[in-house]
Amino acid sequence: MNTLQTQIESLLGLPAEELQNIEHRTILSAFLDALNEGSIRAATSDEAGSWTVHQWVKQGILMLFRLGNLSDMSIGSLPFFDKHSIPLKHITISDNIRLVPGGSAIRTGAYVAPGVICMPPMYINIGAFVDSGTMVDSHALVGTCAQIGKNVHISAAAQIGGVLEPAGARPVIIEDNVMIGGNCGVYEGVMIRKRAVLGTGVILNASTHVYDLVHENILKPQTGVPLEIPENAVVIPGSRALQSGFGREWGLSVSTPLIVKYRDDKTDAKTALEDALR
């Protein structure tokens, strides 16, 4: 157990007033610095691709909220009121993050690697980890503690859900070289494995069933294990007819994501990001 983890866990259960003393504020400040540097994360994977959630990291983030007082953080004519302990992330040119003007924000405690591109307006929340080469497009959200791999494209208006409570819940995890289409929603700890493609408008959450037309099986979340989209899967929105008498009578159906193929060279050509834009 590392020292910072031990220190954060020693603060659990303390009232907000006690978090204000200088010793405790120093611990939480070091914790926030580690989040910003990417040296600690809400979840990490091993070489076999197995992910582990670090509850103490999410508990530390919750303490930052408890520590803070509502403050006026307005910048010029832009009104901005938030907890003083979680302001905007301080970014300089040396961070090598391309943050295009136009209403985007990155909260402190989010790690954004060099080479990430942020198109306005977009938002990255505290605890998120966004790795190098990723693009977060216009009107996209990367929620609290979401883990985003290398060279991921999060297209316009896509929503990557956040999680802080319960502390043991797994955040959304998106591995390297994934393409998230426009208006997609990925929530409740869903795992997207490497090189998968989500077509425009796909919605995935902890209760979603995904029908794999290639292998003719159904992917379902298991107890305690969120839905997992396989490596190289190409997922599009579909529908499934309701079998109840009323549903059949009225021709009703429900939305159902479908795996229609697995990624190949042709798919790569369609989803490749233009190097010239980077």
C-alpha atoms as a PDB file:
ATOM      1  CA  MET A   1       0.000   0.000   0.000  1.00  0.00           C
ATOM      2  CA  ASN A   2       1.599   3.317  -1.010  1.00  0.00           C
ATOM      3  CA  THR A   3       1.969   6.191   1.434  1.00  0.00           C
ATOM      4  CA  LEU A   4      -0.544   8.454  -0.305  1.00  0.00           C
ATOM      5  CA  GLN A   5      -3.167   5.713  -0.250  1.00  0.00           C
ATOM      6  CA  THR A   6      -2.546   5.168   3.460  1.00  0.00           C
ATOM      7  CA  GLN A   7      -2.868   8.887   4.130  1.00  0.00           C
ATOM      8  CA  ILE A   8      -6.102   9.245   2.156  1.00  0.00           C
ATOM      9  CA  GLU A   9      -7.648   6.231   3.858  1.00  0.00           C
ATOM     10  CA  SER A  10      -6.709   7.692   7.245  1.00  0.00           C
ATOM     11  CA  LEU A  11      -8.975  10.663   6.487  1.00  0.00           C
ATOM     12  CA  LEU A  12     -12.057   8.597   5.694  1.00  0.00           C
ATOM     13  CA  GLY A  13     -14.999   9.424   7.926  1.00  0.00           C
ATOM     14  CA  LEU A  14     -13.576  12.700   9.211  1.00  0.00           C
ATOM     15  CA  PRO A  15     -16.057  15.591   9.293  1.00  0.00           C
ATOM     16  CA  ALA A  16     -15.531  18.341   6.736  1.00  0.00           C
ATOM     17  CA  GLU A  17     -14.351  20.725   9.462  1.00  0.00           C
ATOM     18  CA  GLU A  18     -11.427  18.463  10.366  1.00  0.00           C
ATOM     19  CA  LEU A  19     -10.364  18.179   6.724  1.00  0.00           C
ATOM     20  CA  GLN A  20      -9.646  21.899   6.866  1.00  0.00           C
ATOM     21  CA  ASN A  21      -6.598  21.607   9.129  1.00  0.00           C
ATOM     22  CA  ILE A  22      -3.260  22.234   7.462  1.00  0.00           C
ATOM     23  CA  GLU A  23      -1.995  18.648   7.704  1.00  0.00           C
ATOM     24  CA  HIS A  24      -5.095  17.183   6.069  1.00  0.00           C
ATOM     25  CA  ARG A  25      -5.206  19.896   3.390  1.00  0.00           C
ATOM     26  CA  THR A  26      -1.575  19.106   2.559  1.00  0.00           C
ATOM     27  CA  ILE A  27      -2.432  15.424   2.032  1.00  0.00           C
ATOM     28  CA  LEU A  28      -5.370  16.288  -0.219  1.00  0.00           C
ATOM     29  CA  SER A  29      -3.241  18.786  -2.152  1.00  0.00           C
ATOM     30  CA  ALA A  30      -0.630  16.065  -2.814  1.00  0.00           C
ATOM     31  CA  PHE A  31      -3.440  13.732  -3.860  1.00  0.00           C
ATOM     32  CA  LEU A  32      -4.770  16.316  -6.327  1.00  0.00           C
ATOM     33  CA  ASP A  33      -1.280  16.870  -7.758  1.00  0.00           C
ATOM     34  CA  ALA A  34      -0.920  13.106  -8.295  1.00  0.00           C
ATOM     35  CA  LEU A  35      -4.262  12.999 -10.150  1.00  0.00           C
ATOM     36  CA  ASN A  36      -3.208  15.884 -12.381  1.00  0.00           C
ATOM     37  CA  GLU A  37       0.115  14.202 -13.152  1.00  0.00           C
ATOM     38  CA  GLY A  38      -1.540  10.849 -13.934  1.00  0.00           C
ATOM     39  CA  SER A  39       0.618   9.059 -11.333  1.00  0.00           C
ATOM     40  CA  ILE A  40      -2.540   7.753  -9.657  1.00  0.00           C
ATOM     41  CA  ARG A  41      -5.735   6.634 -11.419  1.00  0.00           C
ATOM     42  CA  ALA A  42      -9.215   5.471 -10.488  1.00  0.00           C
ATOM     43  CA  ALA A  43      -8.561   2.200 -12.354  1.00  0.00           C
ATOM     44  CA  THR A  44      -5.509   0.492 -13.843  1.00  0.00           C
ATOM     45  CA  SER A  45      -4.953  -2.580 -16.002  1.00  0.00           C
ATOM     46  CA  ASP A  46      -2.314  -5.289 -15.955  1.00  0.00           C
ATOM     47  CA  GLU A  47      -0.541  -6.876 -18.931  1.00  0.00           C
ATOM     48  CA  ALA A  48      -3.372  -9.396 -19.326  1.00  0.00           C
ATOM     49  CA  GLY A  49      -5.903  -6.590 -19.771  1.00  0.00           C
ATOM     50  CA  SER A  50      -7.574  -7.116 -16.396  1.00  0.00           C
ATOM     51  CA  TRP A  51      -8.698  -3.869 -14.767  1.00  0.00           C
ATOM     52  CA  THR A  52      -8.660  -3.020 -11.053  1.00  0.00           C
ATOM     53  CA  VAL A  53     -10.703  -0.203  -9.495  1.00  0.00           C
ATOM     54  CA  HIS A  54      -8.893   1.807  -6.824  1.00  0.00           C
ATOM     55  CA  GLN A  55     -11.594   2.759  -4.358  1.00  0.00           C
ATOM     56  CA  TRP A  56      -9.302   5.015  -2.351  1.00  0.00           C
ATOM     57  CA  VAL A  57      -8.814   7.296  -5.375  1.00  0.00           C
ATOM     58  CA  LYS A  58     -12.550   7.857  -5.748  1.00  0.00           C
ATOM     59  CA  GLN A  59     -12.857   8.336  -1.982  1.00  0.00           C
ATOM     60  CA  GLY A  60     -10.136  10.992  -2.158  1.00  0.00           C
ATOM     61  CA  ILE A  61     -11.991  12.836  -4.917  1.00  0.00           C
ATOM     62  CA  LEU A  62     -15.150  12.842  -2.811  1.00  0.00           C
ATOM     63  CA  MET A  63     -13.151  14.360   0.049  1.00  0.00           C
ATOM     64  CA  LEU A  64     -12.007  17.175  -2.242  1.00  0.00           C
ATOM     65  CA  PHE A  65     -15.664  18.045  -2.781  1.00  0.00           C
ATOM     66  CA  ARG A  66     -16.303  17.954   0.988  1.00  0.00           C
ATOM     67  CA  LEU A  67     -13.247  20.107   1.648  1.00  0.00           C
ATOM     68  CA  GLY A  68     -14.320  22.851  -0.735  1.00  0.00           C
ATOM     69  CA  ASN A  69     -16.388  25.961  -0.105  1.00  0.00           C
ATOM     70  CA  LEU A  70     -18.523  27.535  -2.819  1.00  0.00           C
ATOM     71  CA  SER A  71     -16.438  30.380  -4.206  1.00  0.00           C
ATOM     72  CA  ASP A  72     -16.543  33.014  -6.924  1.00  0.00           C
ATOM     73  CA  MET A  73     -14.027  31.876  -9.530  1.00  0.00           C
ATOM     74  CA  SER A  74     -15.289  34.105 -12.332  1.00  0.00           C
ATOM     75  CA  ILE A  75     -12.843  34.876 -15.137  1.00  0.00           C
ATOM     76  CA  GLY A  76     -13.469  38.272 -16.701  1.00  0.00           C
ATOM     77  CA  SER A  77     -17.090  38.380 -17.863  1.00  0.00           C
ATOM     78  CA  LEU A  78     -17.478  34.584 -17.487  1.00  0.00           C
ATOM     79  CA  PRO A  79     -19.361  33.759 -14.258  1.00  0.00           C
ATOM     80  CA  PHE A  80     -17.963  30.663 -12.553  1.00  0.00           C
ATOM     81  CA  PHE A  81     -18.965  29.457  -9.071  1.00  0.00           C
ATOM     82  CA  ASP A  82     -17.654  26.151  -7.715  1.00  0.00           C
ATOM     83  CA  LYS A  83     -15.918  24.478  -4.791  1.00  0.00           C
ATOM     84  CA  HIS A  84     -12.604  26.267  -4.254  1.00  0.00           C
ATOM     85  CA  SER A  85     -10.827  22.898  -3.914  1.00  0.00           C
ATOM     86  CA  ILE A  86     -11.620  21.817  -7.504  1.00  0.00           C
ATOM     87  CA  PRO A  87     -10.972  24.743  -9.877  1.00  0.00           C
ATOM     88  CA  LEU A  88     -10.154  24.482 -13.547  1.00  0.00           C
ATOM     89  CA  LYS A  89      -7.002  22.564 -14.448  1.00  0.00           C
ATOM     90  CA  HIS A  90      -4.003  24.827 -15.032  1.00  0.00           C
ATOM     91  CA  ILE A  91      -2.635  24.143 -18.515  1.00  0.00           C
ATOM     92  CA  THR A  92       0.379  25.730 -20.224  1.00  0.00           C
ATOM     93  CA  ILE A  93       1.864  25.392 -23.699  1.00  0.00           C
ATOM     94  CA  SER A  94       4.475  22.980 -22.293  1.00  0.00           C
ATOM     95  CA  ASP A  95       1.701  20.445 -21.553  1.00  0.00           C
ATOM     96  CA  ASN A  96       1.390  19.919 -25.336  1.00  0.00           C
ATOM     97  CA  ILE A  97      -2.421  19.660 -25.179  1.00  0.00           C
ATOM     98  CA  ARG A  98      -4.254  21.188 -28.108  1.00  0.00           C
ATOM     99  CA  LEU A  99      -7.164  23.044 -26.485  1.00  0.00           C
ATOM    100  CA  VAL A 100      -9.054  24.914 -29.215  1.00  0.00           C
ATOM    101  CA  PRO A 101     -10.824  28.161 -28.172  1.00  0.00           C
ATOM    102  CA  GLY A 102     -14.574  28.128 -27.731  1.00  0.00           C
ATOM    103  CA  GLY A 103     -15.986  27.144 -24.345  1.00  0.00           C
ATOM    104  CA  SER A 104     -14.176  23.940 -23.348  1.00  0.00           C
ATOM    105  CA  ALA A 105     -13.176  23.149 -19.767  1.00  0.00           C
ATOM    106  CA  ILE A 106     -10.962  20.617 -18.000  1.00  0.00           C
ATOM    107  CA  ARG A 107     -11.388  20.306 -14.255  1.00  0.00           C
ATOM    108  CA  THR A 108      -8.381  19.946 -12.015  1.00  0.00           C
ATOM    109  CA  GLY A 109      -7.673  16.359 -11.011  1.00  0.00           C
ATOM    110  CA  ALA A 110      -8.089  15.120 -14.572  1.00  0.00           C
ATOM    111  CA  TYR A 111      -5.026  13.748 -16.344  1.00  0.00           C
ATOM    112  CA  VAL A 112      -4.838  14.798 -19.985  1.00  0.00           C
ATOM    113  CA  ALA A 113      -1.754  13.448 -21.747  1.00  0.00           C
ATOM    114  CA  PRO A 114       0.416  15.352 -24.230  1.00  0.00           C
ATOM    115  CA  GLY A 115      -0.986  15.084 -27.744  1.00  0.00           C
ATOM    116  CA  VAL A 116      -4.670  15.103 -26.731  1.00  0.00           C
ATOM    117  CA  ILE A 117      -6.920  17.322 -28.878  1.00  0.00           C
ATOM    118  CA  CYS A 118      -9.911  19.082 -27.312  1.00  0.00           C
ATOM    119  CA  MET A 119     -12.459  20.601 -29.725  1.00  0.00           C
ATOM    120  CA  PRO A 120     -14.882  23.197 -28.368  1.00  0.00           C
ATOM    121  CA  PRO A 121     -17.093  22.973 -26.482  1.00  0.00           C
ATOM    122  CA  MET A 122     -16.208  19.840 -24.515  1.00  0.00           C
ATOM    123  CA  TYR A 123     -15.701  18.936 -20.850  1.00  0.00           C
ATOM    124  CA  ILE A 124     -13.374  16.586 -18.966  1.00  0.00           C
ATOM    125  CA  ASN A 125     -14.231  16.039 -15.295  1.00  0.00           C
ATOM    126  CA  ILE A 126     -12.116  15.298 -12.215  1.00  0.00           C
ATOM    127  CA  GLY A 127     -10.582  11.834 -11.935  1.00  0.00           C
ATOM    128  CA  ALA A 128     -10.708  11.196 -15.678  1.00  0.00           C
ATOM    129  CA  PHE A 129      -7.601   9.819 -17.402  1.00  0.00           C
ATOM    130  CA  VAL A 130      -7.258  10.671 -21.100  1.00  0.00           C
ATOM    131  CA  ASP A 131      -4.216   9.163 -22.802  1.00  0.00           C
ATOM    132  CA  SER A 132      -2.095  10.493 -25.664  1.00  0.00           C
ATOM    133  CA  GLY A 133      -3.367  10.919 -29.206  1.00  0.00           C
ATOM    134  CA  THR A 134      -7.034  10.982 -28.187  1.00  0.00           C
ATOM    135  CA  MET A 135      -9.481  13.515 -29.626  1.00  0.00           C
ATOM    136  CA  VAL A 136     -12.421  14.777 -27.567  1.00  0.00           C
ATOM    137  CA  ASP A 137     -14.729  16.371 -30.107  1.00  0.00           C
ATOM    138  CA  SER A 138     -17.320  19.135 -29.807  1.00  0.00           C
ATOM    139  CA  HIS A 139     -20.107  18.756 -27.207  1.00  0.00           C
ATOM    140  CA  ALA A 140     -18.495  15.582 -25.863  1.00  0.00           C
ATOM    141  CA  LEU A 141     -18.232  14.738 -22.160  1.00  0.00           C
ATOM    142  CA  VAL A 142     -15.626  12.632 -20.363  1.00  0.00           C
ATOM    143  CA  GLY A 143     -17.152  11.989 -16.945  1.00  0.00           C
ATOM    144  CA  THR A 144     -15.591  11.569 -13.509  1.00  0.00           C
ATOM    145  CA  CYS A 145     -12.984   8.784 -13.284  1.00  0.00           C
ATOM    146  CA  ALA A 146     -13.559   7.614 -16.883  1.00  0.00           C
ATOM    147  CA  GLN A 147     -10.443   5.882 -18.256  1.00  0.00           C
ATOM    148  CA  ILE A 148      -9.709   6.685 -21.910  1.00  0.00           C
ATOM    149  CA  GLY A 149      -6.858   4.973 -23.767  1.00  0.00           C
ATOM    150  CA  LYS A 150      -4.488   6.102 -26.493  1.00  0.00           C
ATOM    151  CA  ASN A 151      -5.666   7.291 -29.932  1.00  0.00           C
ATOM    152  CA  VAL A 152      -9.344   7.163 -29.055  1.00  0.00           C
ATOM    153  CA  HIS A 153     -11.764   9.329 -31.044  1.00  0.00           C
ATOM    154  CA  ILE A 154     -14.699  10.543 -28.958  1.00  0.00           C
ATOM    155  CA  SER A 155     -16.928  12.072 -31.621  1.00  0.00           C
ATOM    156  CA  ALA A 156     -19.235  15.065 -31.376  1.00  0.00           C
ATOM    157  CA  ALA A 157     -21.928  14.910 -28.672  1.00  0.00           C
ATOM    158  CA  ALA A 158     -20.736  11.554 -27.306  1.00  0.00           C
ATOM    159  CA  GLN A 159     -21.214  11.093 -23.563  1.00  0.00           C
ATOM    160  CA  ILE A 160     -18.791   9.008 -21.496  1.00  0.00           C
ATOM    161  CA  GLY A 161     -20.463   8.557 -18.121  1.00  0.00           C
ATOM    162  CA  GLY A 162     -18.801   9.325 -14.813  1.00  0.00           C
ATOM    163  CA  VAL A 163     -18.840   7.514 -11.478  1.00  0.00           C
ATOM    164  CA  LEU A 164     -17.891   8.447  -7.930  1.00  0.00           C
ATOM    165  CA  GLU A 165     -20.439   6.569  -5.849  1.00  0.00           C
ATOM    166  CA  PRO A 166     -20.631   3.821  -4.881  1.00  0.00           C
ATOM    167  CA  ALA A 167     -16.882   3.897  -4.381  1.00  0.00           C
ATOM    168  CA  GLY A 168     -16.431   0.279  -5.519  1.00  0.00           C
ATOM    169  CA  ALA A 169     -18.255   0.754  -8.807  1.00  0.00           C
ATOM    170  CA  ARG A 170     -16.051   0.462 -11.889  1.00  0.00           C
ATOM    171  CA  PRO A 171     -15.747   3.581 -14.045  1.00  0.00           C
ATOM    172  CA  VAL A 172     -16.293   3.506 -17.778  1.00  0.00           C
ATOM    173  CA  ILE A 173     -13.147   2.123 -19.427  1.00  0.00           C
ATOM    174  CA  ILE A 174     -12.310   2.671 -23.092  1.00  0.00           C
ATOM    175  CA  GLU A 175      -9.101   1.032 -24.269  1.00  0.00           C
ATOM    176  CA  ASP A 176      -6.674   2.100 -27.016  1.00  0.00           C
ATOM    177  CA  ASN A 177      -7.624   2.900 -30.628  1.00  0.00           C
ATOM    178  CA  VAL A 178     -11.391   2.867 -30.077  1.00  0.00           C
ATOM    179  CA  MET A 179     -13.755   4.916 -32.245  1.00  0.00           C
ATOM    180  CA  ILE A 180     -16.788   6.345 -30.394  1.00  0.00           C
ATOM    181  CA  GLY A 181     -19.295   7.693 -32.925  1.00  0.00           C
ATOM    182  CA  GLY A 182     -21.319  10.863 -32.612  1.00  0.00           C
ATOM    183  CA  ASN A 183     -24.190  10.947 -30.095  1.00  0.00           C
ATOM    184  CA  CYS A 184     -23.076   7.696 -28.441  1.00  0.00           C
ATOM    185  CA  GLY A 185     -23.586   7.151 -24.731  1.00  0.00           C
ATOM    186  CA  VAL A 186     -21.380   4.828 -22.655  1.00  0.00           C
ATOM    187  CA  TYR A 187     -22.393   4.575 -18.996  1.00  0.00           C
ATOM    188  CA  GLU A 188     -22.266   2.584 -15.724  1.00  0.00           C
ATOM    189  CA  GLY A 189     -18.840   0.972 -15.952  1.00  0.00           C
ATOM    190  CA  VAL A 190     -19.142  -0.406 -19.484  1.00  0.00           C
ATOM    191  CA  MET A 191     -15.823  -1.656 -20.889  1.00  0.00           C
ATOM    192  CA  ILE A 192     -14.901  -1.034 -24.537  1.00  0.00           C
ATOM    193  CA  ARG A 193     -11.938  -3.195 -25.552  1.00  0.00           C
ATOM    194  CA  LYS A 194      -9.181  -2.176 -27.979  1.00  0.00           C
ATOM    195  CA  ARG A 195      -9.968  -1.108 -31.545  1.00  0.00           C
ATOM    196  CA  ALA A 196     -13.733  -1.442 -31.181  1.00  0.00           C
ATOM    197  CA  VAL A 197     -15.992   0.897 -33.161  1.00  0.00           C
ATOM    198  CA  LEU A 198     -19.302   2.296 -31.901  1.00  0.00           C
ATOM    199  CA  GLY A 199     -21.464   3.607 -34.723  1.00  0.00           C
ATOM    200  CA  THR A 200     -23.417   6.829 -34.402  1.00  0.00           C
ATOM    201  CA  GLY A 201     -26.068   6.751 -31.702  1.00  0.00           C
ATOM    202  CA  VAL A 202     -25.117   3.530 -29.873  1.00  0.00           C
ATOM    203  CA  ILE A 203     -26.159   3.577 -26.195  1.00  0.00           C
ATOM    204  CA  LEU A 204     -24.543   1.144 -23.741  1.00  0.00           C
ATOM    205  CA  ASN A 205     -25.169   0.796 -20.009  1.00  0.00           C
ATOM    206  CA  ALA A 206     -25.092  -1.823 -17.263  1.00  0.00           C
ATOM    207  CA  SER A 207     -28.358  -3.435 -18.378  1.00  0.00           C
ATOM    208  CA  THR A 208     -27.788  -3.429 -22.147  1.00  0.00           C
ATOM    209  CA  HIS A 209     -27.838  -6.712 -24.085  1.00  0.00           C
ATOM    210  CA  VAL A 210     -25.724  -6.677 -27.246  1.00  0.00           C
ATOM    211  CA  TYR A 211     -26.502  -9.127 -30.058  1.00  0.00           C
ATOM    212  CA  ASP A 212     -23.416 -10.454 -31.840  1.00  0.00           C
ATOM    213  CA  LEU A 213     -24.552 -11.326 -35.371  1.00  0.00           C
ATOM    214  CA  VAL A 214     -21.104 -12.641 -36.274  1.00  0.00           C
ATOM    215  CA  HIS A 215     -20.833 -15.241 -33.515  1.00  0.00           C
ATOM    216  CA  GLU A 216     -24.595 -15.581 -33.005  1.00  0.00           C
ATOM    217  CA  ASN A 217     -24.594 -14.991 -29.257  1.00  0.00           C
ATOM    218  CA  ILE A 218     -25.802 -12.371 -26.789  1.00  0.00           C
ATOM    219  CA  LEU A 219     -23.448 -10.306 -24.649  1.00  0.00           C
ATOM    220  CA  LYS A 220     -24.996  -9.623 -21.250  1.00  0.00           C
ATOM    221  CA  PRO A 221     -23.675  -7.943 -18.103  1.00  0.00           C
ATOM    222  CA  GLN A 222     -22.951 -10.460 -15.341  1.00  0.00           C
ATOM    223  CA  THR A 223     -23.473  -9.886 -11.621  1.00  0.00           C
ATOM    224  CA  GLY A 224     -20.726  -7.528 -10.494  1.00  0.00           C
ATOM    225  CA  VAL A 225     -19.197  -7.392 -13.979  1.00  0.00           C
ATOM    226  CA  PRO A 226     -20.338  -4.611 -16.330  1.00  0.00           C
ATOM    227  CA  LEU A 227     -21.019  -5.089 -20.023  1.00  0.00           C
ATOM    228  CA  GLU A 228     -17.872  -5.626 -22.106  1.00  0.00           C
ATOM    229  CA  ILE A 229     -17.590  -4.932 -25.839  1.00  0.00           C
ATOM    230  CA  PRO A 230     -14.969  -7.249 -27.431  1.00  0.00           C
ATOM    231  CA  GLU A 231     -11.810  -6.171 -29.191  1.00  0.00           C
ATOM    232  CA  ASN A 232     -12.346  -5.067 -32.824  1.00  0.00           C
ATOM    233  CA  ALA A 233     -16.154  -5.276 -32.565  1.00  0.00           C
ATOM    234  CA  VAL A 234     -18.143  -2.927 -34.799  1.00  0.00           C
ATOM    235  CA  VAL A 235     -21.382  -1.987 -33.026  1.00  0.00           C
ATOM    236  CA  ILE A 236     -24.362  -0.199 -34.563  1.00  0.00           C
ATOM    237  CA  PRO A 237     -27.833   0.691 -33.238  1.00  0.00           C
ATOM    238  CA  GLY A 238     -30.520  -1.892 -33.960  1.00  0.00           C
ATOM    239  CA  SER A 239     -33.914  -2.962 -32.655  1.00  0.00           C
ATOM    240  CA  ARG A 240     -35.570  -6.103 -31.344  1.00  0.00           C
ATOM    241  CA  ALA A 241     -39.274  -6.856 -31.700  1.00  0.00           C
ATOM    242  CA  LEU A 242     -41.228  -7.212 -28.457  1.00  0.00           C
ATOM    243  CA  GLN A 243     -42.794 -10.647 -28.051  1.00  0.00           C
ATOM    244  CA  SER A 244     -45.581  -9.769 -25.607  1.00  0.00           C
ATOM    245  CA  GLY A 245     -49.117  -9.800 -26.962  1.00  0.00           C
ATOM    246  CA  PHE A 246     -49.451  -6.026 -26.707  1.00  0.00           C
ATOM    247  CA  GLY A 247     -46.008  -5.489 -28.248  1.00  0.00           C
ATOM    248  CA  ARG A 248     -46.764  -7.785 -31.182  1.00  0.00           C
ATOM    249  CA  GLU A 249     -50.197  -6.235 -31.675  1.00  0.00           C
ATOM    250  CA  TRP A 250     -48.749  -2.770 -32.075  1.00  0.00           C
ATOM    251  CA  GLY A 251     -45.480  -3.750 -33.779  1.00  0.00           C
ATOM    252  CA  LEU A 252     -43.338  -2.358 -30.975  1.00  0.00           C
ATOM    253  CA  SER A 253     -39.599  -2.859 -30.604  1.00  0.00           C
ATOM    254  CA  VAL A 254     -36.785  -1.826 -28.272  1.00  0.00           C
ATOM    255  CA  SER A 255     -33.403  -0.392 -29.108  1.00  0.00           C
ATOM    256  CA  THR A 256     -30.705  -3.085 -29.244  1.00  0.00           C
ATOM    257  CA  PRO A 257     -27.029  -2.607 -30.166  1.00  0.00           C
ATOM    258  CA  LEU A 258     -25.783  -5.096 -32.763  1.00  0.00           C
ATOM    259  CA  ILE A 259     -22.253  -6.319 -33.498  1.00  0.00           C
ATOM    260  CA  VAL A 260     -22.356  -6.529 -37.273  1.00  0.00           C
ATOM    261  CA  LYS A 261     -18.704  -7.305 -37.963  1.00  0.00           C
ATOM    262  CA  TYR A 262     -15.208  -7.260 -36.504  1.00  0.00           C
ATOM    263  CA  ARG A 263     -12.752  -4.607 -37.537  1.00  0.00           C
ATOM    264  CA  ASP A 264     -10.666  -5.127 -40.677  1.00  0.00           C
ATOM    265  CA  ASP A 265      -8.486  -3.023 -42.977  1.00  0.00           C
ATOM    266  CA  LYS A 266     -11.531  -1.456 -44.634  1.00  0.00           C
ATOM    267  CA  THR A 267     -12.913  -0.370 -41.283  1.00  0.00           C
ATOM    268  CA  ASP A 268      -9.513   1.041 -40.345  1.00  0.00           C
ATOM    269  CA  ALA A 269      -9.530   3.236 -43.436  1.00  0.00           C
ATOM    270  CA  LYS A 270     -12.936   4.651 -42.519  1.00  0.00           C
ATOM    271  CA  THR A 271     -12.106   5.357 -38.885  1.00  0.00           C
ATOM    272  CA  ALA A 272      -8.495   6.526 -39.197  1.00  0.00           C
ATOM    273  CA  LEU A 273      -7.876  10.007 -37.782  1.00  0.00           C
ATOM    274  CA  GLU A 274      -6.288  12.457 -40.181  1.00  0.00           C
ATOM    275  CA  ASP A 275      -2.651  12.971 -39.187  1.00  0.00           C
ATOM    276  CA  ALA A 276      -2.728  16.336 -40.907  1.00  0.00           C
ATOM    277  CA  LEU A 277      -5.274  17.603 -38.353  1.00  0.00           C
ATOM    278  CA  ARG A 278      -3.043  16.613 -35.452  1.00  0.00           C
END
